[in-house]
Amino acid sequence: MWRRTYLGLILLRLYLAVSPSYLHPDEHFQGPEVIAGSVFGFPHKLTWEFTAAAPIRSIYPIWLIYGWPLTIFKWVWDGIGYGDVHPELVYYALRLVMFAMSFILQDWALHELLPGPRQRRLGILLVASSYVTWTWQSHTFSNSIETIAVLWSLVFIQRIQEDKKSSQLMYSSLVGFLAVFGTFNRITFPAFLVIPLLRMIPHFRVKPWCLVAMIASGLFNLAFAILLDTEWYTSGQTSIRHFISHAVITPINNLAYNLDSSNLAQHGLHPFYQHILANLPQLIGPAYLLLFLSPRRGNLLYSAASAVLLLSCFKHQEARFLVPAVPLLLASVNIPPSWTKVFFTIWIIFNSILGLLMGIFHQGGVVPAQLWIGHQSTVTQTFWWRTHSPPIYLLGREGSDVVTHDLMGRPGINMTSYVTEHVACDATSESLLVAPTSAIYLDQFLERKYLDRDGLPFTLTKKWEYSRHLNLDDLDFGDDGIWPTLTRVIGRRGLGIWKINRQC
């Protein structure tokens, strides 16, 4: 029974891994966009994390995780002779890489970290049936990579403590490597290892060479990471003098940026209890109560607890920052026998709803829309309104001349004036507006023969629509009320593409 359930969950993870749901712009802009542009020559956009005077995003983990798979993929594709690689193949290839990492490395690590067969079955089953595993962990987030790095750091720490042979030096070196890799991937990574490493102090006193190996490996990897970042950010100037005077150390830049409250205010400020009282229940649902009522103490729980507490000290707190804590916490709960039926009933309902929402419908039309636009040879510019920022690389080489305007969630009147300013009268080329069909503001611009549109700056002709799209950012309970808002957003769900017709 357990094996059949686990196999079914693997297939579900695979299905949702390749679904076009688009959880957050960082899914593409923190890695795939950069690598796809470098390897395949696709159009790409470097965000402010890369273009700031003190860049905070490291290229080192991005190349290590995405660079070599895509480079090999390009070599194989070129060798077969199929011509140019389509961006859709790159998109699915990266999703499959993340699925493989999640399925193999995450579950393997949990199998080693959990002490007995019963704990392994329960812990792995809870993690495998979590919507976070189906969605966040199977997408190309730096948080997903951080999860794998945290788990395997804990595996190697456990092996160091349990192994009595010389292989302790090898595991110590791997911890040093992952410590640097994880920190360059996300500055939050050290928060997960504070308590596990402090608990190793007695071991280091007995075997100091393990600490020496860990530090030496970390320093070597640190020098390599800084060298790679410096070369990338300074256009390949790699002389020793230039390296010393212009070294780019992205984690330090990242930490300095996040310690400035004025910077965090641009992304949204949250109360210190946001992670503990809002984000954690959102991620693990009914398992949240079991953490307080029936926890299993150990490195997994201590690692997650230290991270949650330390990250709560920062005023900007998104739920995805706690993704690495999810498998640690789910593997640290005990379910009392009398609660088993009730717990799993609520657990299945919770993850089914969130899995359907986040795995399929959440911004689900953004990727298909961008792929469709990439095939339209007459399109010169697109205006994206009330959606997540679209991944530019999905336009491919054929769409490299398309200008993308990201209007985000600006008010309708501002959107109208911006479009009017940038679309020429009686233009022969196509300009497209991409927006959720739930945006009733657009109804006045739709072409209908029985309505007079002479007073409008432009009209809209629908060219394409994708129904499996929900725009949660369009929820406006304050102005419209709860039921009318839900009726509009859910009842009129979808993402549409309209041709902009401007006549003067």
Protein backbone atom coordinates (compact mmCIF):
# COMPACT_ATOMS: atom_id res chain seq x y z
CA MET A 1 0.00 0.00 0.00
CA TRP A 2 2.75 2.46 0.96
CA ARG A 3 4.72 1.72 -2.23
CA ARG A 4 1.68 2.18 -4.48
CA THR A 5 0.85 5.46 -2.76
CA TYR A 6 4.43 6.67 -3.13
CA LEU A 7 4.53 5.69 -6.83
CA GLY A 8 1.29 7.57 -7.44
CA LEU A 9 2.71 10.66 -5.74
CA ILE A 10 5.82 10.47 -7.93
CA LEU A 11 3.64 10.50 -11.05
CA LEU A 12 1.66 13.44 -9.66
CA ARG A 13 4.90 15.30 -8.95
CA LEU A 14 6.03 14.68 -12.52
CA TYR A 15 2.73 15.92 -13.98
CA LEU A 16 2.74 19.12 -11.94
CA ALA A 17 6.46 19.63 -12.54
CA VAL A 18 5.84 20.08 -16.27
CA SER A 19 2.62 22.08 -15.88
CA PRO A 20 2.91 25.73 -16.96
CA SER A 21 1.98 27.23 -13.58
CA TYR A 22 4.09 30.29 -12.88
CA LEU A 23 4.54 30.81 -9.16
CA HIS A 24 6.88 33.80 -9.13
CA PRO A 25 9.04 35.77 -11.61
CA ASP A 26 12.17 34.66 -9.76
CA GLU A 27 11.44 31.18 -11.11
CA HIS A 28 12.90 32.32 -14.44
CA PHE A 29 14.79 35.54 -13.81
CA GLN A 30 17.09 34.09 -11.12
CA GLY A 31 18.64 31.48 -13.38
CA PRO A 32 17.00 30.05 -16.52
CA GLU A 33 16.69 33.44 -18.22
CA VAL A 34 20.42 34.12 -17.82
CA ILE A 35 21.57 30.63 -18.81
CA ALA A 36 19.18 30.29 -21.75
CA GLY A 37 20.43 33.59 -23.10
CA SER A 38 24.09 32.61 -22.71
CA VAL A 39 23.84 29.05 -24.05
CA PHE A 40 21.23 29.38 -26.80
CA GLY A 41 21.34 33.08 -27.65
CA PHE A 42 17.71 33.62 -26.65
CA PRO A 43 16.60 37.14 -25.74
CA HIS A 44 16.85 37.61 -22.00
CA LYS A 45 16.44 40.23 -19.34
CA LEU A 46 18.87 40.79 -16.50
CA THR A 47 17.03 41.98 -13.41
CA TRP A 48 18.32 44.55 -10.95
CA GLU A 49 19.96 41.80 -8.86
CA PHE A 50 22.46 41.37 -11.71
CA THR A 51 22.72 44.95 -12.99
CA ALA A 52 23.09 46.86 -9.69
CA ALA A 53 26.36 48.58 -8.94
CA ALA A 54 26.85 45.99 -6.18
CA PRO A 55 25.24 42.86 -7.71
CA ILE A 56 23.60 40.51 -5.22
CA ARG A 57 22.98 37.45 -7.41
CA SER A 58 25.82 34.99 -7.98
CA ILE A 59 26.33 33.31 -11.34
CA TYR A 60 28.26 30.44 -9.70
CA PRO A 61 25.35 28.24 -8.48
CA ILE A 62 23.30 29.13 -11.57
CA TRP A 63 25.96 27.75 -13.91
CA LEU A 64 26.53 24.75 -11.69
CA ILE A 65 22.85 23.72 -11.62
CA TYR A 66 21.51 24.89 -15.00
CA GLY A 67 24.56 25.62 -17.14
CA TRP A 68 25.99 22.15 -17.68
CA PRO A 69 22.62 20.39 -18.34
CA LEU A 70 21.65 22.96 -20.96
CA THR A 71 25.13 22.94 -22.51
CA ILE A 72 25.02 19.15 -22.85
CA PHE A 73 21.47 19.41 -24.20
CA LYS A 74 22.65 21.88 -26.85
CA TRP A 75 25.58 19.65 -27.85
CA VAL A 76 23.30 16.64 -28.25
CA TRP A 77 20.68 18.63 -30.15
CA ASP A 78 23.29 20.10 -32.50
CA GLY A 79 24.84 16.65 -32.98
CA ILE A 80 21.50 15.15 -33.98
CA GLY A 81 21.09 17.97 -36.48
CA TYR A 82 17.61 19.17 -35.59
CA GLY A 83 18.52 22.82 -35.98
CA ASP A 84 17.82 25.50 -33.39
CA VAL A 85 16.51 24.49 -29.98
CA HIS A 86 13.02 25.76 -29.31
CA PRO A 87 12.63 27.58 -25.97
CA GLU A 88 9.72 25.31 -25.05
CA LEU A 89 12.14 22.36 -24.95
CA VAL A 90 14.49 24.35 -22.71
CA TYR A 91 11.60 25.17 -20.39
CA TYR A 92 10.57 21.52 -20.00
CA ALA A 93 14.17 20.32 -19.77
CA LEU A 94 14.78 22.60 -16.79
CA ARG A 95 11.56 21.51 -15.11
CA LEU A 96 12.58 17.86 -15.54
CA VAL A 97 15.99 18.61 -14.04
CA MET A 98 14.31 20.11 -10.98
CA PHE A 99 11.90 17.18 -10.74
CA ALA A 100 14.79 14.71 -10.85
CA MET A 101 16.67 16.63 -8.18
CA SER A 102 13.59 16.76 -5.98
CA PHE A 103 12.60 13.13 -6.47
CA ILE A 104 16.07 11.60 -6.20
CA LEU A 105 18.15 13.86 -3.97
CA GLN A 106 15.44 15.08 -1.59
CA ASP A 107 13.89 11.67 -0.91
CA TRP A 108 17.27 9.97 -0.70
CA ALA A 109 18.46 12.50 1.87
CA LEU A 110 15.33 12.03 3.98
CA HIS A 111 15.80 8.26 3.84
CA GLU A 112 19.23 8.69 5.39
CA LEU A 113 18.27 11.34 7.92
CA LEU A 114 15.26 9.57 9.41
CA PRO A 115 16.21 6.90 11.98
CA GLY A 116 13.85 3.96 11.42
CA PRO A 117 11.52 2.36 8.82
CA ARG A 118 8.33 3.77 10.36
CA GLN A 119 9.74 7.30 10.60
CA ARG A 120 11.05 7.06 7.04
CA ARG A 121 7.72 5.94 5.62
CA LEU A 122 5.80 8.67 7.43
CA GLY A 123 8.32 11.46 6.77
CA ILE A 124 8.83 10.67 3.09
CA LEU A 125 5.08 10.18 2.57
CA LEU A 126 4.27 13.57 4.12
CA VAL A 127 6.95 15.33 2.07
CA ALA A 128 5.95 13.55 -1.15
CA SER A 129 2.27 14.41 -0.63
CA SER A 130 2.93 18.08 0.16
CA TYR A 131 1.85 20.59 -2.47
CA VAL A 132 5.10 22.46 -1.78
CA THR A 133 7.00 19.45 -3.15
CA TRP A 134 4.72 19.25 -6.17
CA THR A 135 5.03 22.92 -7.02
CA TRP A 136 7.73 25.09 -5.43
CA GLN A 137 10.26 22.30 -5.11
CA SER A 138 9.79 21.18 -8.73
CA HIS A 139 10.26 24.66 -10.19
CA THR A 140 13.49 26.48 -10.98
CA PHE A 141 13.74 28.50 -7.76
CA SER A 142 16.89 29.25 -5.85
CA ASN A 143 14.81 28.22 -2.82
CA SER A 144 14.38 24.75 -4.33
CA ILE A 145 18.12 24.39 -4.83
CA GLU A 146 18.62 25.63 -1.27
CA THR A 147 16.40 22.79 -0.03
CA ILE A 148 18.64 20.16 -1.60
CA ALA A 149 21.79 21.85 -0.29
CA VAL A 150 20.39 22.00 3.26
CA LEU A 151 19.30 18.36 3.27
CA TRP A 152 22.61 17.04 2.01
CA SER A 153 24.58 19.25 4.38
CA LEU A 154 22.65 17.58 7.20
CA VAL A 155 23.30 14.15 5.65
CA PHE A 156 27.06 14.75 5.55
CA ILE A 157 27.05 16.17 9.09
CA GLN A 158 25.29 13.02 10.26
CA ARG A 159 27.78 10.82 8.40
CA ILE A 160 30.68 12.68 10.01
CA GLN A 161 29.27 12.02 13.47
CA GLU A 162 28.47 8.36 12.80
CA ASP A 163 31.43 7.30 10.64
CA LYS A 164 34.54 6.20 12.55
CA LYS A 165 36.76 5.93 9.47
CA SER A 166 38.92 8.33 7.49
CA SER A 167 35.96 9.11 5.21
CA GLN A 168 35.02 11.75 7.78
CA LEU A 169 37.50 14.06 6.04
CA MET A 170 35.68 13.58 2.74
CA TYR A 171 32.31 14.34 4.28
CA SER A 172 33.79 17.35 6.08
CA SER A 173 35.10 18.64 2.76
CA LEU A 174 31.64 18.18 1.20
CA VAL A 175 30.05 20.18 4.02
CA GLY A 176 32.57 22.97 3.38
CA PHE A 177 31.73 22.88 -0.34
CA LEU A 178 27.96 22.98 0.27
CA ALA A 179 28.33 25.76 2.83
CA VAL A 180 29.82 28.05 0.19
CA PHE A 181 27.58 26.82 -2.62
CA GLY A 182 24.45 27.27 -0.52
CA THR A 183 25.43 30.74 0.66
CA PHE A 184 26.18 31.96 -2.87
CA ASN A 185 22.86 30.49 -3.98
CA ARG A 186 20.88 32.17 -1.19
CA ILE A 187 22.10 34.31 1.68
CA THR A 188 19.51 32.61 3.92
CA PHE A 189 21.29 29.24 3.69
CA PRO A 190 23.59 29.60 6.76
CA ALA A 191 20.54 30.08 8.99
CA PHE A 192 19.67 26.40 8.46
CA LEU A 193 23.08 25.14 9.60
CA VAL A 194 23.68 27.24 12.71
CA ILE A 195 22.50 24.70 15.30
CA PRO A 196 23.66 21.52 13.46
CA LEU A 197 27.20 22.96 13.17
CA LEU A 198 27.22 24.16 16.78
CA ARG A 199 26.31 20.64 17.86
CA MET A 200 29.45 19.41 16.07
CA ILE A 201 31.83 21.37 18.30
CA PRO A 202 32.46 18.38 20.65
CA HIS A 203 33.30 16.25 17.61
CA PHE A 204 35.75 18.86 16.31
CA ARG A 205 37.51 18.86 19.67
CA VAL A 206 38.15 15.13 19.36
CA LYS A 207 38.94 15.20 15.61
CA PRO A 208 40.14 18.71 14.68
CA TRP A 209 41.22 17.55 11.21
CA CYS A 210 37.54 17.38 10.24
CA LEU A 211 37.25 21.10 10.95
CA VAL A 212 40.47 21.78 9.03
CA ALA A 213 39.17 19.83 6.01
CA MET A 214 35.84 21.65 6.17
CA ILE A 215 37.46 25.09 6.30
CA ALA A 216 40.02 24.29 3.58
CA SER A 217 37.33 22.98 1.23
CA GLY A 218 35.17 26.01 1.93
CA LEU A 219 38.00 28.47 1.26
CA PHE A 220 38.92 26.80 -2.03
CA ASN A 221 35.31 26.81 -3.17
CA LEU A 222 34.94 30.40 -1.98
CA ALA A 223 37.89 31.55 -4.08
CA PHE A 224 36.48 29.76 -7.14
CA ALA A 225 33.01 31.26 -6.65
CA ILE A 226 34.38 34.80 -6.25
CA LEU A 227 36.61 34.34 -9.30
CA LEU A 228 33.69 33.15 -11.43
CA ASP A 229 31.43 36.00 -10.32
CA THR A 230 34.18 38.59 -10.77
CA GLU A 231 34.95 37.33 -14.28
CA TRP A 232 31.27 37.37 -15.24
CA TYR A 233 30.51 40.83 -13.83
CA THR A 234 33.69 42.47 -15.15
CA SER A 235 33.54 41.15 -18.71
CA GLY A 236 36.20 38.49 -18.37
CA GLN A 237 39.09 40.54 -16.98
CA THR A 238 40.87 37.94 -14.85
CA SER A 239 44.33 39.29 -14.07
CA ILE A 240 45.40 38.82 -10.46
CA ARG A 241 45.69 42.57 -9.87
CA HIS A 242 42.24 43.19 -11.32
CA PHE A 243 40.76 40.31 -9.36
CA ILE A 244 42.10 41.61 -6.06
CA SER A 245 40.97 45.19 -6.64
CA HIS A 246 37.60 44.44 -8.26
CA ALA A 247 36.50 41.20 -6.58
CA VAL A 248 32.71 40.79 -6.64
CA ILE A 249 31.47 39.02 -3.51
CA THR A 250 27.73 38.71 -4.08
CA PRO A 251 26.73 37.28 -0.64
CA ILE A 252 28.23 40.31 1.12
CA ASN A 253 26.43 42.63 -1.29
CA ASN A 254 23.23 40.66 -0.70
CA LEU A 255 23.56 40.86 3.08
CA ALA A 256 24.27 44.59 2.97
CA TYR A 257 21.21 45.12 0.78
CA ASN A 258 18.91 43.17 3.10
CA LEU A 259 20.17 44.90 6.23
CA ASP A 260 18.92 48.23 4.86
CA SER A 261 15.24 48.64 5.74
CA SER A 262 14.74 51.19 2.98
CA ASN A 263 15.68 48.54 0.42
CA LEU A 264 13.33 45.98 1.92
CA ALA A 265 10.51 48.52 1.92
CA GLN A 266 10.54 48.40 -1.89
CA HIS A 267 9.59 44.71 -1.75
CA GLY A 268 7.13 44.93 1.15
CA LEU A 269 7.59 44.99 4.91
CA HIS A 270 6.07 42.38 7.19
CA PRO A 271 5.75 41.98 10.97
CA PHE A 272 8.28 39.74 12.71
CA TYR A 273 5.62 37.04 13.21
CA GLN A 274 4.77 36.75 9.49
CA HIS A 275 6.79 33.55 8.97
CA ILE A 276 5.63 31.87 12.17
CA LEU A 277 1.94 32.72 12.17
CA ALA A 278 1.14 33.13 8.45
CA ASN A 279 3.72 31.60 6.11
CA LEU A 280 4.32 28.30 7.91
CA PRO A 281 0.61 27.40 8.22
CA GLN A 282 0.23 28.29 4.55
CA LEU A 283 3.02 25.85 3.61
CA ILE A 284 2.39 22.84 5.86
CA GLY A 285 -1.29 23.16 6.80
CA PRO A 286 -2.47 20.76 9.54
CA ALA A 287 1.10 19.60 10.25
CA TYR A 288 1.68 23.02 11.81
CA LEU A 289 -0.13 22.08 15.02
CA LEU A 290 1.77 18.80 15.32
CA LEU A 291 5.05 20.72 15.52
CA PHE A 292 3.93 22.04 18.89
CA LEU A 293 1.94 19.02 20.11
CA SER A 294 4.01 16.05 18.92
CA PRO A 295 7.45 17.01 17.51
CA ARG A 296 10.39 14.68 16.92
CA ARG A 297 13.49 16.49 18.16
CA GLY A 298 16.74 16.29 16.22
CA ASN A 299 18.89 18.08 13.66
CA LEU A 300 16.01 18.34 11.18
CA LEU A 301 13.77 20.21 13.61
CA TYR A 302 16.62 22.30 15.02
CA SER A 303 17.76 23.29 11.52
CA ALA A 304 14.29 24.44 10.49
CA ALA A 305 13.59 26.20 13.80
CA SER A 306 16.84 28.17 13.73
CA ALA A 307 16.17 29.26 10.15
CA VAL A 308 12.59 30.35 10.82
CA LEU A 309 13.64 32.37 13.87
CA LEU A 310 16.62 34.03 12.17
CA LEU A 311 14.71 34.83 8.98
CA SER A 312 11.93 36.36 11.09
CA CYS A 313 14.42 39.05 12.09
CA PHE A 314 14.26 40.47 8.56
CA LYS A 315 11.27 42.65 7.74
CA HIS A 316 10.65 41.22 4.25
CA GLN A 317 9.22 37.72 4.64
CA GLU A 318 7.85 35.71 1.70
CA ALA A 319 6.50 32.20 2.12
CA ARG A 320 8.95 30.81 -0.44
CA PHE A 321 11.85 31.73 1.83
CA LEU A 322 10.74 28.85 4.09
CA VAL A 323 10.54 26.21 1.34
CA PRO A 324 13.75 24.49 2.59
CA ALA A 325 12.16 24.19 6.05
CA VAL A 326 9.14 22.26 4.75
CA PRO A 327 10.73 18.78 4.37
CA LEU A 328 12.64 19.30 7.62
CA LEU A 329 9.45 20.09 9.55
CA LEU A 330 7.27 17.44 7.92
CA ALA A 331 9.91 14.82 8.74
CA SER A 332 9.92 16.01 12.37
CA VAL A 333 6.28 15.40 13.31
CA ASN A 334 4.67 12.44 14.99
CA ILE A 335 1.00 11.66 14.34
CA PRO A 336 -0.76 10.24 17.40
CA PRO A 337 -2.65 7.04 16.44
CA SER A 338 -5.98 8.53 17.53
CA TRP A 339 -5.48 11.48 15.17
CA THR A 340 -4.42 9.54 12.08
CA LYS A 341 -7.75 9.53 10.19
CA VAL A 342 -8.63 13.13 10.97
CA PHE A 343 -5.13 14.37 10.18
CA PHE A 344 -4.82 12.64 6.81
CA THR A 345 -8.33 13.69 5.78
CA ILE A 346 -7.49 17.35 6.40
CA TRP A 347 -4.00 16.87 4.92
CA ILE A 348 -5.38 15.44 1.65
CA ILE A 349 -7.98 18.20 1.31
CA PHE A 350 -5.45 20.95 2.10
CA ASN A 351 -2.83 19.74 -0.40
CA SER A 352 -5.38 18.91 -3.11
CA ILE A 353 -6.78 22.44 -3.05
CA LEU A 354 -3.38 24.17 -2.85
CA GLY A 355 -1.86 21.75 -5.37
CA LEU A 356 -4.63 22.45 -7.89
CA LEU A 357 -4.40 26.19 -7.31
CA MET A 358 -0.61 26.63 -7.24
CA GLY A 359 0.30 23.72 -9.52
CA ILE A 360 -2.08 24.38 -12.41
CA PHE A 361 -4.07 27.61 -12.22
CA HIS A 362 -1.80 30.17 -10.54
CA GLN A 363 -0.63 32.43 -13.40
CA GLY A 364 -0.94 29.30 -15.55
CA GLY A 365 -1.36 31.16 -18.82
CA VAL A 366 1.81 33.27 -18.72
CA VAL A 367 4.15 30.61 -20.12
CA PRO A 368 1.74 29.34 -22.85
CA ALA A 369 1.00 32.94 -23.86
CA GLN A 370 4.67 33.81 -24.22
CA LEU A 371 5.31 30.66 -26.24
CA TRP A 372 2.38 31.53 -28.54
CA ILE A 373 3.68 35.08 -29.03
CA GLY A 374 7.10 33.69 -29.97
CA HIS A 375 5.51 32.03 -33.03
CA GLN A 376 3.83 35.22 -34.31
CA SER A 377 6.08 36.79 -36.92
CA THR A 378 4.09 40.05 -37.25
CA VAL A 379 4.17 41.04 -33.56
CA THR A 380 6.51 43.90 -32.67
CA GLN A 381 5.53 44.69 -29.08
CA THR A 382 3.47 43.27 -26.23
CA PHE A 383 1.94 44.90 -23.18
CA TRP A 384 1.55 42.65 -20.13
CA TRP A 385 -0.94 43.92 -17.60
CA ARG A 386 -1.87 42.43 -14.22
CA THR A 387 0.25 39.32 -14.64
CA HIS A 388 3.62 38.16 -13.37
CA SER A 389 6.57 39.45 -15.38
CA PRO A 390 6.85 37.22 -18.47
CA PRO A 391 10.04 35.21 -19.12
CA ILE A 392 11.61 36.84 -22.16
CA TYR A 393 13.70 33.82 -23.23
CA LEU A 394 10.54 31.87 -24.12
CA LEU A 395 10.13 34.13 -27.16
CA GLY A 396 13.10 32.33 -28.75
CA ARG A 397 15.30 33.73 -31.46
CA GLU A 398 12.34 34.38 -33.75
CA GLY A 399 10.84 36.69 -31.15
CA SER A 400 14.05 38.49 -30.24
CA ASP A 401 12.78 41.72 -31.85
CA VAL A 402 9.57 41.79 -29.83
CA VAL A 403 9.55 44.63 -27.28
CA THR A 404 7.98 43.58 -23.98
CA HIS A 405 6.30 46.20 -21.79
CA ASP A 406 5.65 44.96 -18.27
CA LEU A 407 2.85 47.15 -16.90
CA MET A 408 2.46 45.06 -13.73
CA GLY A 409 -0.60 46.06 -11.69
CA ARG A 410 -0.87 49.73 -12.56
CA PRO A 411 -4.40 51.24 -12.57
CA GLY A 412 -6.47 50.86 -15.73
CA ILE A 413 -6.32 54.55 -16.64
CA ASN A 414 -2.51 54.52 -16.44
CA MET A 415 -2.40 51.37 -18.54
CA THR A 416 -4.60 53.00 -21.19
CA SER A 417 -2.45 56.13 -21.41
CA TYR A 418 0.76 54.07 -21.60
CA VAL A 419 -0.57 51.88 -24.41
CA THR A 420 -1.89 54.92 -26.29
CA GLU A 421 1.50 56.59 -26.04
CA HIS A 422 3.43 53.58 -27.39
CA VAL A 423 1.12 52.30 -30.14
CA ALA A 424 1.19 54.26 -33.38
CA CYS A 425 -1.97 55.17 -35.25
CA ASP A 426 -2.97 52.76 -38.06
CA ALA A 427 0.18 50.70 -37.47
CA THR A 428 0.77 47.86 -39.93
CA SER A 429 2.55 45.69 -37.35
CA GLU A 430 0.77 44.04 -34.47
CA SER A 431 0.82 45.26 -30.89
CA LEU A 432 -0.69 42.88 -28.36
CA LEU A 433 -2.20 43.33 -24.91
CA VAL A 434 -1.88 40.36 -22.55
CA ALA A 435 -4.16 40.50 -19.51
CA PRO A 436 -6.43 38.30 -17.37
CA THR A 437 -9.97 37.93 -18.71
CA SER A 438 -11.20 38.77 -15.20
CA ALA A 439 -10.14 42.40 -15.74
CA ILE A 440 -13.59 43.91 -16.40
CA TYR A 441 -11.96 47.27 -17.14
CA LEU A 442 -11.10 45.92 -20.61
CA ASP A 443 -14.73 45.22 -21.51
CA GLN A 444 -15.22 48.79 -22.75
CA PHE A 445 -12.49 48.34 -25.37
CA LEU A 446 -13.74 45.06 -26.87
CA GLU A 447 -14.88 45.29 -30.49
CA ARG A 448 -18.62 44.88 -30.82
CA LYS A 449 -20.47 46.15 -33.87
CA TYR A 450 -23.48 47.33 -31.91
CA LEU A 451 -21.46 49.63 -29.64
CA ASP A 452 -19.95 53.01 -30.44
CA ARG A 453 -16.20 53.07 -29.74
CA ASP A 454 -15.33 56.34 -31.50
CA GLY A 455 -14.42 58.05 -28.24
CA LEU A 456 -11.91 55.40 -27.14
CA PRO A 457 -8.17 55.59 -27.88
CA PHE A 458 -8.09 51.99 -29.11
CA THR A 459 -10.14 48.83 -29.44
CA LEU A 460 -9.22 45.23 -28.73
CA THR A 461 -9.64 42.13 -30.90
CA LYS A 462 -9.15 38.81 -29.13
CA LYS A 463 -6.46 36.62 -30.71
CA TRP A 464 -5.83 33.90 -28.11
CA GLU A 465 -7.10 32.70 -24.72
CA TYR A 466 -5.96 30.21 -22.09
CA SER A 467 -8.60 29.11 -19.59
CA ARG A 468 -6.43 27.52 -16.87
CA HIS A 469 -5.26 30.82 -15.44
CA LEU A 470 -6.13 32.48 -12.14
CA ASN A 471 -4.89 35.93 -11.22
CA LEU A 472 -4.84 36.03 -7.41
CA ASP A 473 -3.35 39.54 -7.57
CA ASP A 474 -6.70 40.67 -9.00
CA LEU A 475 -8.54 39.95 -5.74
CA ASP A 476 -10.03 43.24 -4.54
CA PHE A 477 -12.29 42.40 -1.62
CA GLY A 478 -12.17 45.94 -0.23
CA ASP A 479 -13.83 47.62 -3.21
CA ASP A 480 -16.00 44.88 -4.71
CA GLY A 481 -16.83 42.65 -1.74
CA ILE A 482 -15.92 39.00 -1.21
CA TRP A 483 -18.54 37.18 -3.28
CA PRO A 484 -18.54 39.54 -6.33
CA THR A 485 -14.72 39.41 -6.39
CA LEU A 486 -14.59 35.60 -6.25
CA THR A 487 -17.32 35.36 -8.90
CA ARG A 488 -15.35 37.61 -11.22
CA VAL A 489 -11.87 36.15 -10.66
CA ILE A 490 -12.95 32.49 -10.69
CA GLY A 491 -15.94 32.72 -13.01
CA ARG A 492 -14.01 34.73 -15.59
CA ARG A 493 -10.72 32.94 -15.08
CA GLY A 494 -8.30 32.88 -17.97
CA LEU A 495 -5.59 34.84 -19.74
CA GLY A 496 -6.28 36.58 -23.01
CA ILE A 497 -4.25 38.15 -25.79
CA TRP A 498 -5.82 41.00 -27.73
CA LYS A 499 -4.65 42.85 -30.80
CA ILE A 500 -4.58 46.61 -30.16
CA ASN A 501 -6.36 48.58 -32.90
CA ARG A 502 -5.56 52.28 -32.73
CA GLN A 503 -7.18 54.60 -35.24
CA CYS A 504 -6.69 58.35 -35.19
